[in-house]
Amino acid sequence: MKNNDKKLIAFAAILFLLVVIVRVIPLLKESYNEDLQEIEFLEQRIARMRSLMEEAPFIKDDEAARREEVAALASWTFTGQDPNLIGTSVQRQLRQAVEEAGVLPRSYNTPRVAETEGWLLITQEMDFVIEQQSSILQFLDLLENSRPRLHVTEFSINRNRRQYTGSITVTGFSKIL
């Protein structure tokens, strides 16, 4: 071998080492770090899956409780899409509570209908006369426990000699589908 060939081989070897040091080693190190990150991610995922497996019975119980809660809340709303029919239902339910509590209605206003964010709000106003204070509480209790629920939004009462006069505003809700 000639001296030039030896120099050329030595130069090629040095160039090869530089390429290995500058390019290959950083690529290997980067690949190694990515693999470590992947392993760490998979370990976290395994830990999360194990904790979910341990919590599965509680999650099922929570889901059942949420479904019951949604069903209970759904029973608070009126069904239907026609505002006039829902207004009639609100008025009928208010009249039923009035009759059961022994309240004497003076006047019913026409139900007001409002629509907001996918909900119909039916508002019914009524003026009434009542003989006993205890009947007022029974009346309010009947409204609170009614299904679908009538929410009392305004309530006022005044005393006149032997009787009480007052007004009440209730609101019923219906989901627009």
Protein backbone atom coordinates (compact mmCIF):
# COMPACT_ATOMS: atom_id res chain seq x y z
CA MET A 1 0.00 0.00 0.00
CA LYS A 2 1.15 3.41 -0.82
CA ASN A 3 1.50 6.22 1.57
CA ASN A 4 -1.33 8.14 -0.12
CA ASP A 5 -3.62 5.14 0.25
CA LYS A 6 -2.81 4.93 3.94
CA LYS A 7 -3.54 8.63 4.34
CA LEU A 8 -6.78 8.22 2.42
CA ILE A 9 -7.83 5.24 4.58
CA ALA A 10 -6.91 7.15 7.75
CA PHE A 11 -8.89 10.18 6.52
CA ALA A 12 -11.87 7.93 5.70
CA ALA A 13 -11.66 6.33 9.17
CA ILE A 14 -11.54 9.77 10.83
CA LEU A 15 -14.47 10.91 8.69
CA PHE A 16 -16.37 7.73 9.60
CA LEU A 17 -15.71 8.33 13.33
CA LEU A 18 -16.86 11.94 13.03
CA VAL A 19 -20.09 10.83 11.34
CA VAL A 20 -20.63 8.22 14.06
CA ILE A 21 -19.91 10.75 16.84
CA VAL A 22 -21.86 13.65 15.33
CA ARG A 23 -24.80 11.82 13.72
CA VAL A 24 -25.25 8.21 14.82
CA ILE A 25 -24.65 8.57 18.58
CA PRO A 26 -27.17 11.46 18.95
CA LEU A 27 -29.73 9.45 16.93
CA LEU A 28 -29.22 6.43 19.17
CA LYS A 29 -29.44 8.61 22.29
CA GLU A 30 -32.64 10.27 21.01
CA SER A 31 -34.15 6.88 20.20
CA TYR A 32 -33.21 5.63 23.66
CA ASN A 33 -34.83 8.68 25.32
CA GLU A 34 -38.00 8.23 23.23
CA ASP A 35 -38.15 4.59 24.28
CA LEU A 36 -37.77 5.62 27.95
CA GLN A 37 -40.60 8.13 27.54
CA GLU A 38 -42.77 5.50 25.85
CA ILE A 39 -42.09 3.06 28.68
CA GLU A 40 -42.96 5.73 31.26
CA PHE A 41 -46.18 6.57 29.38
CA LEU A 42 -47.16 2.90 29.21
CA GLU A 43 -46.42 2.44 32.92
CA GLN A 44 -48.66 5.43 33.73
CA ARG A 45 -51.37 4.04 31.48
CA ILE A 46 -51.12 0.62 33.16
CA ALA A 47 -51.38 2.29 36.59
CA ARG A 48 -54.42 4.29 35.42
CA MET A 49 -56.07 1.13 34.05
CA ARG A 50 -55.42 -0.72 37.29
CA SER A 51 -56.94 2.10 39.33
CA LEU A 52 -59.96 2.14 36.99
CA MET A 53 -60.35 -1.60 37.44
CA GLU A 54 -60.29 -1.10 41.21
CA GLU A 55 -62.79 1.76 40.97
CA ALA A 56 -65.10 0.00 38.47
CA PRO A 57 -67.69 -1.09 41.05
CA PHE A 58 -67.82 2.44 42.48
CA ILE A 59 -68.07 3.93 38.99
CA LYS A 60 -70.99 1.63 38.20
CA ASP A 61 -72.71 2.65 41.45
CA ASP A 62 -72.11 6.33 40.64
CA GLU A 63 -73.51 5.83 37.15
CA ALA A 64 -76.62 4.15 38.54
CA ALA A 65 -77.04 7.00 41.04
CA ARG A 66 -76.65 9.58 38.25
CA ARG A 67 -79.24 7.81 36.12
CA GLU A 68 -81.67 7.77 39.04
CA GLU A 69 -80.97 11.46 39.62
CA VAL A 70 -81.59 12.27 35.95
CA ALA A 71 -84.84 10.27 36.04
CA ALA A 72 -85.92 12.12 39.18
CA LEU A 73 -85.10 15.48 37.63
CA ALA A 74 -86.92 14.48 34.43
CA SER A 75 -90.03 13.87 36.54
CA TRP A 76 -89.88 17.54 37.55
CA THR A 77 -90.43 18.74 33.98
CA PHE A 78 -93.57 18.77 31.88
CA THR A 79 -93.59 16.78 28.65
CA GLY A 80 -94.61 18.04 25.27
CA GLN A 81 -93.70 20.72 22.79
CA ASP A 82 -96.94 22.74 22.57
CA PRO A 83 -96.76 25.76 24.91
CA ASN A 84 -100.57 25.95 25.13
CA LEU A 85 -100.89 22.34 26.28
CA ILE A 86 -98.08 22.74 28.79
CA GLY A 87 -99.68 25.98 30.05
CA THR A 88 -102.94 24.07 30.52
CA SER A 89 -101.07 21.35 32.43
CA VAL A 90 -99.44 23.92 34.71
CA GLN A 91 -102.80 25.56 35.35
CA ARG A 92 -104.47 22.18 36.02
CA GLN A 93 -101.75 21.18 38.47
CA LEU A 94 -102.00 24.52 40.28
CA ARG A 95 -105.79 24.15 40.51
CA GLN A 96 -105.41 20.63 41.89
CA ALA A 97 -103.07 21.90 44.65
CA VAL A 98 -105.52 24.74 45.36
CA GLU A 99 -108.41 22.29 45.78
CA GLU A 100 -106.44 19.89 47.98
CA ALA A 101 -105.22 22.66 50.29
CA GLY A 102 -108.58 24.39 50.60
CA VAL A 103 -107.37 27.61 49.06
CA LEU A 104 -110.06 29.77 47.39
CA PRO A 105 -108.80 31.11 44.06
CA ARG A 106 -109.80 34.66 43.19
CA SER A 107 -108.35 34.85 39.72
CA TYR A 108 -105.96 33.12 37.37
CA ASN A 109 -103.97 35.08 34.83
CA THR A 110 -103.24 33.67 31.42
CA PRO A 111 -100.05 31.58 31.51
CA ARG A 112 -96.99 33.34 30.12
CA VAL A 113 -94.63 31.34 27.93
CA ALA A 114 -90.93 32.03 27.48
CA GLU A 115 -88.33 30.03 25.61
CA THR A 116 -84.69 30.05 26.61
CA GLU A 117 -81.75 27.77 25.83
CA GLY A 118 -83.91 24.84 24.71
CA TRP A 119 -86.42 25.14 27.57
CA LEU A 120 -90.01 26.34 27.70
CA LEU A 121 -90.85 28.26 30.89
CA ILE A 122 -94.55 28.46 31.65
CA THR A 123 -95.40 31.04 34.31
CA GLN A 124 -98.83 31.06 35.97
CA GLU A 125 -100.07 33.75 38.37
CA MET A 126 -102.98 33.38 40.75
CA ASP A 127 -104.64 35.54 43.40
CA PHE A 128 -106.23 33.66 46.29
CA VAL A 129 -108.04 33.85 49.61
CA ILE A 130 -107.37 31.49 52.49
CA GLU A 131 -109.03 31.06 55.85
CA GLN A 132 -106.24 29.44 57.88
CA GLN A 133 -102.52 30.01 58.05
CA SER A 134 -101.85 26.24 58.26
CA SER A 135 -103.46 25.77 54.85
CA ILE A 136 -100.85 28.06 53.35
CA LEU A 137 -98.08 25.70 54.41
CA GLN A 138 -100.02 22.71 53.13
CA PHE A 139 -100.55 24.52 49.83
CA LEU A 140 -96.84 25.33 49.45
CA ASP A 141 -95.94 21.76 50.43
CA LEU A 142 -98.28 20.39 47.74
CA LEU A 143 -96.59 22.61 45.14
CA GLU A 144 -93.11 21.57 46.27
CA ASN A 145 -93.95 17.86 46.10
CA SER A 146 -95.89 18.01 42.84
CA ARG A 147 -94.67 16.03 39.84
CA PRO A 148 -93.98 17.61 37.43
CA ARG A 149 -92.81 20.25 39.84
CA LEU A 150 -94.20 23.74 40.00
CA HIS A 151 -91.53 26.14 41.22
CA VAL A 152 -92.79 29.07 43.28
CA THR A 153 -91.11 32.19 41.91
CA GLU A 154 -93.17 34.83 43.73
CA PHE A 155 -95.38 34.64 46.80
CA SER A 156 -97.08 37.33 48.86
CA ILE A 157 -99.75 37.20 51.53
CA ASN A 158 -101.70 39.85 53.48
CA ARG A 159 -104.05 39.56 56.41
CA ASN A 160 -107.55 41.05 56.21
CA ARG A 161 -109.67 40.55 59.34
CA ARG A 162 -110.40 36.79 59.44
CA GLN A 163 -108.84 35.76 56.18
CA TYR A 164 -105.63 36.00 54.26
CA THR A 165 -105.34 37.23 50.68
CA GLY A 166 -102.33 36.66 48.53
CA SER A 167 -100.84 36.05 45.17
CA ILE A 168 -98.52 33.37 43.90
CA THR A 169 -96.53 32.90 40.74
CA VAL A 170 -95.40 29.41 39.78
CA THR A 171 -93.23 28.25 36.91
CA GLY A 172 -93.17 24.91 35.14
CA PHE A 173 -90.48 23.76 32.73
CA SER A 174 -90.46 21.63 29.60
CA LYS A 175 -87.43 20.57 27.54
CA ILE A 176 -87.68 21.37 23.85
CA LEU A 177 -86.52 18.40 21.80
